[in-house]
Amino acid sequence: MNAVPVTSGERTRHDTPGADTALASLLESLLAIALAIAIAGLILIIAGHDPLNVFPQLVDRTLLRSAGLEEVLVRTTPLLLAGLAVLIAAKAGLWNIGVDGQVLVGALAAAVVGGWLVDASRPVLWAGAMLAAIVGGAVWTIVPALFRAFWEINEIVTTIMFNYIAISMSAWLVKGPLRDQTLVAPQTPLIPPELRFVGLGDTRVHIGLVFAVAIWIAASFWLHRSVAGLEVRAVGESPRAARHAMIPVTVVLAVALVASGGLAGVVGGNDVLSTKGTFQAEWYPGYGLSAFALVFLARRHVLALLPAALFLGMLAYGADVMPRAAGIHSAFFALFEGILLIVLAAFRWRPWRRKSGGHR
């Protein structure tokens, strides 16, 4: 039986991760990691390093030492939230490339509102700042969402454009009207450490990780146990079939992209309320690439996001600690993520199955 052509705006059920078994998805992701490690190891050899020394040191410094594991969990928190933001849009068949811009807008909104609420109680400050972050990220996606839902303008293009606007706008605001005039460096007023997220015990890990895991669990139930989640997945799998099922496709597309932006805003709010306490000019965490690597590594399964985020959190902390520990430049870990994305993309392509007439 010949494969049915699929347009860029529609997907059949066989094109989604749900058509694969969970075991097959896990094995494929593990194989992709192993292949990426092999390629990265070859690059290390060419650069004059011993991968049999580098990779064990990476594991030791990040997972086998308590201080390293704490840092990995701190790095995992924003990655998990950013991955959720990308996944919510992807489930509706959308690619939110504007995560980084939405993170910036959410962080700026959280820093400003948090600065206004420094005289309030800690719970009020947290709630106000995080609500501002959600609204900021969501508002930043409204125009791309409307363009995509009602005029079918590609969201990849519009969300990328809004990234650049967010970078320039946030820098201008922090250097201008929102700047704390008592400081030399351009930034918003500082939220005192005692009003930020509390730590979990005597560790660097903060309560933001608990919030992130709670959001991840809620998103899992929403996607798989609610009518709205079912509609999102139906639209992502086949917009044509969703229309026949009387699902309001345009509304679902718009809501999914706006919800994705709101989650991205939470990432920025988490950074402000946990580790930064302010918004500095030219700050650009660049979670976007890692968020897409995370979603592809998890094979678009929401439950697989957490272990995948832990793995990428390990790489993120490795980029900080391995230059001193093994003389490996921090850029190597961004390279590793890029290699992993290429390998995962190659696995999704699988032309040999197309030639044999099989489906994913």
Protein backbone atom coordinates (compact mmCIF):
# COMPACT_ATOMS: atom_id res chain seq x y z
CA MET A 1 0.00 0.00 0.00
CA ASN A 2 1.43 3.37 -1.01
CA ALA A 3 2.01 6.05 1.58
CA VAL A 4 -0.44 8.95 1.50
CA PRO A 5 1.18 12.35 0.90
CA VAL A 6 0.97 14.63 3.92
CA THR A 7 1.06 18.40 3.65
CA SER A 8 3.12 20.57 6.00
CA GLY A 9 -0.04 21.63 7.81
CA GLU A 10 -1.36 18.12 8.43
CA ARG A 11 -0.05 14.91 9.94
CA THR A 12 -1.44 11.42 9.97
CA ARG A 13 -1.62 9.34 13.08
CA HIS A 14 1.49 7.41 12.02
CA ASP A 15 3.57 10.58 12.05
CA THR A 16 3.11 11.11 15.78
CA PRO A 17 5.02 9.55 18.65
CA GLY A 18 1.85 7.88 19.87
CA ALA A 19 2.14 5.35 17.03
CA ASP A 20 5.38 4.00 18.53
CA THR A 21 5.58 1.90 21.62
CA ALA A 22 7.11 3.53 24.69
CA LEU A 23 9.90 0.94 24.69
CA ALA A 24 10.81 1.60 21.06
CA SER A 25 10.90 5.34 21.72
CA LEU A 26 13.14 4.87 24.76
CA LEU A 27 15.54 2.59 22.91
CA GLU A 28 15.74 4.97 19.96
CA SER A 29 16.51 7.95 22.20
CA LEU A 30 19.19 5.97 24.05
CA LEU A 31 20.68 4.88 20.73
CA ALA A 32 20.70 8.52 19.57
CA ILE A 33 22.54 9.56 22.74
CA ALA A 34 25.06 6.75 22.28
CA LEU A 35 25.70 7.72 18.66
CA ALA A 36 26.04 11.41 19.57
CA ILE A 37 28.53 10.47 22.29
CA ALA A 38 30.52 8.42 19.77
CA ILE A 39 30.65 11.32 17.29
CA ALA A 40 31.53 13.79 20.05
CA GLY A 41 34.22 11.41 21.26
CA LEU A 42 35.76 11.34 17.80
CA ILE A 43 35.82 15.15 17.79
CA LEU A 44 37.53 15.11 21.20
CA ILE A 45 40.20 12.75 19.86
CA ILE A 46 40.83 15.03 16.89
CA ALA A 47 41.13 17.97 19.32
CA GLY A 48 43.70 16.08 21.38
CA HIS A 49 41.53 14.94 24.29
CA ASP A 50 40.87 11.44 25.61
CA PRO A 51 37.09 10.79 25.59
CA LEU A 52 37.61 7.85 27.99
CA ASN A 53 38.81 10.44 30.48
CA VAL A 54 36.45 13.31 29.59
CA PHE A 55 33.10 11.53 29.75
CA PRO A 56 33.73 9.72 33.08
CA GLN A 57 34.83 13.06 34.54
CA LEU A 58 31.65 14.66 33.25
CA VAL A 59 29.52 12.03 35.00
CA ASP A 60 31.57 12.31 38.18
CA ARG A 61 31.45 16.09 38.39
CA THR A 62 27.76 16.40 37.56
CA LEU A 63 26.01 13.35 39.01
CA LEU A 64 28.27 11.65 41.53
CA ARG A 65 29.06 14.69 43.68
CA SER A 66 26.35 16.30 45.78
CA ALA A 67 27.29 19.85 44.77
CA GLY A 68 27.28 18.85 41.11
CA LEU A 69 23.93 17.10 41.35
CA GLU A 70 22.43 20.18 43.00
CA GLU A 71 23.61 22.34 40.13
CA VAL A 72 22.25 19.86 37.60
CA LEU A 73 18.82 20.06 39.24
CA VAL A 74 18.98 23.87 39.21
CA ARG A 75 19.76 23.79 35.47
CA THR A 76 17.07 21.18 34.86
CA THR A 77 14.27 23.42 36.17
CA PRO A 78 14.17 26.01 33.35
CA LEU A 79 14.92 23.35 30.73
CA LEU A 80 11.92 21.28 31.79
CA LEU A 81 9.64 24.32 31.62
CA ALA A 82 11.05 25.42 28.26
CA GLY A 83 10.62 21.90 26.91
CA LEU A 84 6.99 21.90 28.05
CA ALA A 85 6.45 25.22 26.27
CA VAL A 86 7.76 23.80 22.99
CA LEU A 87 5.87 20.52 23.45
CA ILE A 88 2.46 22.13 24.02
CA ALA A 89 2.77 23.92 20.70
CA ALA A 90 4.20 20.85 18.96
CA LYS A 91 1.24 18.74 20.06
CA ALA A 92 -0.97 21.13 18.09
CA GLY A 93 1.32 20.84 15.06
CA LEU A 94 3.05 24.18 15.72
CA TRP A 95 6.72 25.08 16.16
CA ASN A 96 7.23 27.87 18.65
CA ILE A 97 10.70 29.09 17.69
CA GLY A 98 10.14 32.24 19.75
CA VAL A 99 10.72 30.62 23.16
CA ASP A 100 13.79 32.74 23.86
CA GLY A 101 11.94 35.99 23.22
CA GLN A 102 9.02 34.89 25.36
CA VAL A 103 11.43 33.96 28.17
CA LEU A 104 12.91 37.47 28.03
CA VAL A 105 9.52 39.19 28.12
CA GLY A 106 8.34 36.95 30.96
CA ALA A 107 11.53 37.57 32.93
CA LEU A 108 11.30 41.32 32.45
CA ALA A 109 7.64 41.36 33.54
CA ALA A 110 8.45 39.24 36.61
CA ALA A 111 11.40 41.46 37.56
CA VAL A 112 9.38 44.67 37.26
CA VAL A 113 6.33 43.40 39.15
CA GLY A 114 8.53 41.66 41.72
CA GLY A 115 10.36 44.94 42.27
CA TRP A 116 7.05 46.69 42.87
CA LEU A 117 6.00 44.06 45.45
CA VAL A 118 9.13 44.00 47.61
CA ASP A 119 7.13 45.43 50.51
CA ALA A 120 4.52 42.68 50.26
CA SER A 121 4.77 39.19 51.72
CA ARG A 122 6.85 36.58 49.95
CA PRO A 123 3.84 34.54 48.65
CA VAL A 124 2.24 37.69 47.25
CA LEU A 125 5.48 38.65 45.50
CA TRP A 126 5.88 35.15 44.05
CA ALA A 127 2.28 35.03 42.82
CA GLY A 128 2.37 38.53 41.35
CA ALA A 129 5.71 38.09 39.63
CA MET A 130 4.87 34.68 38.17
CA LEU A 131 1.46 35.88 36.98
CA ALA A 132 3.19 38.78 35.27
CA ALA A 133 5.66 36.36 33.67
CA ILE A 134 2.84 34.16 32.34
CA VAL A 135 0.93 37.14 30.97
CA GLY A 136 4.08 38.61 29.43
CA GLY A 137 5.02 35.40 27.62
CA ALA A 138 1.45 34.79 26.50
CA VAL A 139 0.93 38.34 25.21
CA TRP A 140 4.15 38.06 23.22
CA THR A 141 2.66 35.16 21.24
CA ILE A 142 -0.76 36.65 20.53
CA VAL A 143 0.19 38.21 17.19
CA PRO A 144 1.96 35.08 15.83
CA ALA A 145 -0.95 32.96 17.13
CA LEU A 146 -3.56 35.07 15.35
CA PHE A 147 -1.51 35.17 12.17
CA ARG A 148 -1.18 31.37 12.19
CA ALA A 149 -4.74 30.54 13.20
CA PHE A 150 -6.68 32.93 10.98
CA TRP A 151 -4.34 33.74 8.08
CA GLU A 152 -2.14 30.60 8.04
CA ILE A 153 1.05 32.65 8.25
CA ASN A 154 3.85 30.32 9.28
CA GLU A 155 4.47 30.60 13.03
CA ILE A 156 8.14 29.70 12.60
CA VAL A 157 8.78 32.96 10.75
CA THR A 158 6.72 35.21 13.03
CA THR A 159 8.00 33.78 16.31
CA ILE A 160 11.61 34.13 15.14
CA MET A 161 10.95 37.76 14.23
CA PHE A 162 9.45 38.39 17.65
CA ASN A 163 12.62 37.00 19.23
CA TYR A 164 14.65 39.85 17.79
CA ILE A 165 12.05 42.40 18.83
CA ALA A 166 12.08 41.02 22.38
CA ILE A 167 15.88 41.18 22.60
CA SER A 168 16.01 44.79 21.45
CA MET A 169 12.94 45.93 23.37
CA SER A 170 14.02 44.42 26.70
CA ALA A 171 17.53 45.87 26.39
CA TRP A 172 16.13 49.33 25.61
CA LEU A 173 13.64 49.23 28.50
CA VAL A 174 16.25 48.12 31.05
CA LYS A 175 18.73 50.72 29.85
CA GLY A 176 16.01 53.38 29.87
CA PRO A 177 12.68 53.72 31.67
CA LEU A 178 12.92 50.54 33.78
CA ARG A 179 16.52 51.01 34.88
CA ASP A 180 17.48 51.15 38.55
CA GLN A 181 19.17 54.56 38.65
CA THR A 182 21.04 53.73 41.85
CA LEU A 183 23.20 51.14 40.08
CA VAL A 184 25.92 51.55 37.46
CA ALA A 185 25.05 48.42 35.49
CA PRO A 186 21.71 48.68 33.65
CA GLN A 187 19.19 46.42 35.37
CA THR A 188 15.82 46.50 37.10
CA PRO A 189 15.56 47.02 40.88
CA LEU A 190 16.87 44.00 42.79
CA ILE A 191 14.51 41.59 44.52
CA PRO A 192 16.19 40.83 47.88
CA PRO A 193 17.45 37.24 48.32
CA GLU A 194 15.17 36.71 51.32
CA LEU A 195 12.12 37.30 49.10
CA ARG A 196 13.14 34.92 46.32
CA PHE A 197 12.40 31.21 46.00
CA VAL A 198 13.40 29.30 49.10
CA GLY A 199 15.92 26.49 48.95
CA LEU A 200 15.07 22.85 49.52
CA GLY A 201 16.88 22.05 52.72
CA ASP A 202 20.52 23.05 52.89
CA THR A 203 21.01 22.88 49.12
CA ARG A 204 21.19 25.13 46.08
CA VAL A 205 18.04 23.47 44.74
CA HIS A 206 15.07 25.80 45.13
CA ILE A 207 11.33 25.42 45.27
CA GLY A 208 11.12 26.35 41.60
CA LEU A 209 12.01 22.72 40.82
CA VAL A 210 8.93 21.60 42.78
CA PHE A 211 6.77 24.06 40.84
CA ALA A 212 8.27 22.89 37.52
CA VAL A 213 7.59 19.22 38.30
CA ALA A 214 4.03 20.10 39.39
CA ILE A 215 3.46 21.94 36.10
CA TRP A 216 4.90 18.96 34.21
CA ILE A 217 2.50 16.57 35.97
CA ALA A 218 -0.44 18.92 35.35
CA ALA A 219 0.50 19.23 31.66
CA SER A 220 0.66 15.42 31.39
CA PHE A 221 -2.85 15.05 32.78
CA TRP A 222 -4.14 17.95 30.69
CA LEU A 223 -2.79 16.53 27.43
CA HIS A 224 -3.98 12.97 28.02
CA ARG A 225 -6.96 13.21 30.38
CA SER A 226 -8.85 16.35 29.34
CA VAL A 227 -11.11 17.23 26.42
CA ALA A 228 -8.98 20.30 25.62
CA GLY A 229 -5.81 18.19 25.55
CA LEU A 230 -7.50 15.68 23.27
CA GLU A 231 -8.50 18.50 20.92
CA VAL A 232 -4.95 19.84 20.84
CA ARG A 233 -3.55 16.42 19.95
CA ALA A 234 -6.29 15.82 17.37
CA VAL A 235 -5.51 19.10 15.62
CA GLY A 236 -1.80 18.30 15.65
CA GLU A 237 -2.34 14.86 14.16
CA SER A 238 -4.79 15.85 11.44
CA PRO A 239 -6.42 19.30 11.16
CA ARG A 240 -8.75 17.98 8.44
CA ALA A 241 -10.04 15.16 10.62
CA ALA A 242 -10.36 17.57 13.55
CA ARG A 243 -12.58 19.85 11.47
CA HIS A 244 -14.77 16.90 10.55
CA ALA A 245 -15.04 16.14 14.28
CA MET A 246 -16.33 19.70 14.79
CA ILE A 247 -13.24 20.80 16.71
CA PRO A 248 -12.63 24.57 16.40
CA VAL A 249 -9.20 24.23 14.79
CA THR A 250 -8.40 27.95 14.58
CA VAL A 251 -9.20 28.48 18.25
CA VAL A 252 -7.18 25.43 19.31
CA LEU A 253 -4.16 26.58 17.30
CA ALA A 254 -4.29 30.07 18.77
CA VAL A 255 -4.79 28.85 22.34
CA ALA A 256 -1.99 26.27 22.05
CA LEU A 257 0.54 28.85 20.85
CA VAL A 258 -0.49 31.40 23.48
CA ALA A 259 -0.30 28.71 26.20
CA SER A 260 3.16 27.80 24.92
CA GLY A 261 4.21 31.43 25.25
CA GLY A 262 2.81 31.61 28.76
CA LEU A 263 4.87 28.59 29.80
CA ALA A 264 7.96 30.15 28.25
CA GLY A 265 7.26 33.25 30.32
CA VAL A 266 7.28 31.04 33.43
CA VAL A 267 10.86 30.07 32.54
CA GLY A 268 11.90 33.71 32.74
CA GLY A 269 9.97 34.25 35.95
CA ASN A 270 11.67 31.23 37.49
CA ASP A 271 15.12 32.59 36.66
CA VAL A 272 14.32 35.98 38.16
CA LEU A 273 12.79 34.60 41.36
CA SER A 274 15.39 31.90 41.92
CA THR A 275 18.92 32.78 40.85
CA LYS A 276 18.99 36.29 39.35
CA GLY A 277 16.69 38.54 41.37
CA THR A 278 16.71 41.13 38.59
CA PHE A 279 16.67 41.60 34.82
CA GLN A 280 19.96 42.77 33.38
CA ALA A 281 20.46 44.41 30.01
CA GLU A 282 21.78 42.10 27.29
CA TRP A 283 20.83 39.02 29.37
CA TYR A 284 20.07 36.16 26.99
CA PRO A 285 19.93 32.64 28.48
CA GLY A 286 19.23 30.99 25.11
CA TYR A 287 17.05 28.09 26.21
CA GLY A 288 15.49 27.64 22.76
CA LEU A 289 17.99 25.19 21.23
CA SER A 290 18.03 23.05 24.37
CA ALA A 291 14.22 23.07 24.52
CA PHE A 292 13.96 21.66 21.00
CA ALA A 293 16.69 19.11 21.69
CA LEU A 294 14.74 18.14 24.80
CA VAL A 295 11.46 17.65 22.92
CA PHE A 296 13.09 15.60 20.18
CA LEU A 297 15.03 13.52 22.71
CA ALA A 298 11.76 12.83 24.56
CA ARG A 299 10.18 11.89 21.22
CA ARG A 300 7.38 14.37 21.98
CA HIS A 301 6.25 12.23 24.94
CA VAL A 302 5.43 14.52 27.83
CA LEU A 303 6.35 11.92 30.45
CA ALA A 304 9.83 11.53 28.92
CA LEU A 305 10.56 15.25 29.26
CA LEU A 306 11.80 15.01 32.86
CA PRO A 307 14.57 12.43 32.32
CA ALA A 308 15.54 14.18 29.09
CA ALA A 309 15.71 17.51 30.94
CA LEU A 310 17.95 15.94 33.58
CA PHE A 311 20.32 14.76 30.85
CA LEU A 312 20.50 18.20 29.23
CA GLY A 313 20.80 19.80 32.68
CA MET A 314 23.89 17.64 33.19
CA LEU A 315 25.34 18.95 29.92
CA ALA A 316 24.49 22.54 30.88
CA TYR A 317 26.40 22.28 34.15
CA GLY A 318 29.15 20.34 32.42
CA ALA A 319 29.73 23.38 30.19
CA ASP A 320 30.57 25.33 33.35
CA VAL A 321 32.67 22.81 35.25
CA MET A 322 34.51 20.86 32.55
CA PRO A 323 36.73 23.71 31.26
CA ARG A 324 38.46 23.71 34.65
CA ALA A 325 38.24 19.98 35.29
CA ALA A 326 39.40 18.66 31.92
CA GLY A 327 40.30 21.63 29.76
CA ILE A 328 37.22 21.19 27.56
CA HIS A 329 35.86 24.44 26.15
CA SER A 330 32.26 25.17 27.15
CA ALA A 331 31.29 25.45 23.47
CA PHE A 332 31.84 21.71 23.14
CA PHE A 333 28.59 21.04 25.01
CA ALA A 334 26.56 23.26 22.68
CA LEU A 335 28.22 21.32 19.85
CA PHE A 336 27.17 18.08 21.51
CA GLU A 337 23.54 19.27 21.65
CA GLY A 338 23.72 20.16 17.97
CA ILE A 339 25.08 16.71 17.12
CA LEU A 340 22.32 15.13 19.16
CA LEU A 341 19.67 17.13 17.28
CA ILE A 342 21.12 16.04 13.93
CA VAL A 343 21.15 12.39 15.01
CA LEU A 344 17.57 12.60 16.27
CA ALA A 345 16.47 14.27 13.02
CA ALA A 346 18.17 11.50 11.03
CA PHE A 347 16.36 8.87 13.09
CA ARG A 348 13.02 10.56 12.40
CA TRP A 349 13.73 10.67 8.68
CA ARG A 350 14.49 6.94 8.24
CA PRO A 351 14.32 6.80 4.41
CA TRP A 352 14.80 3.04 4.40
CA ARG A 353 11.35 2.61 5.92
CA ARG A 354 9.82 4.86 3.32
CA LYS A 355 11.38 2.79 0.57
CA SER A 356 9.91 -0.37 2.05
CA GLY A 357 6.50 1.28 2.31
CA GLY A 358 6.45 1.06 6.11
CA HIS A 359 5.23 3.66 8.57
CA ARG A 360 6.73 4.97 11.73
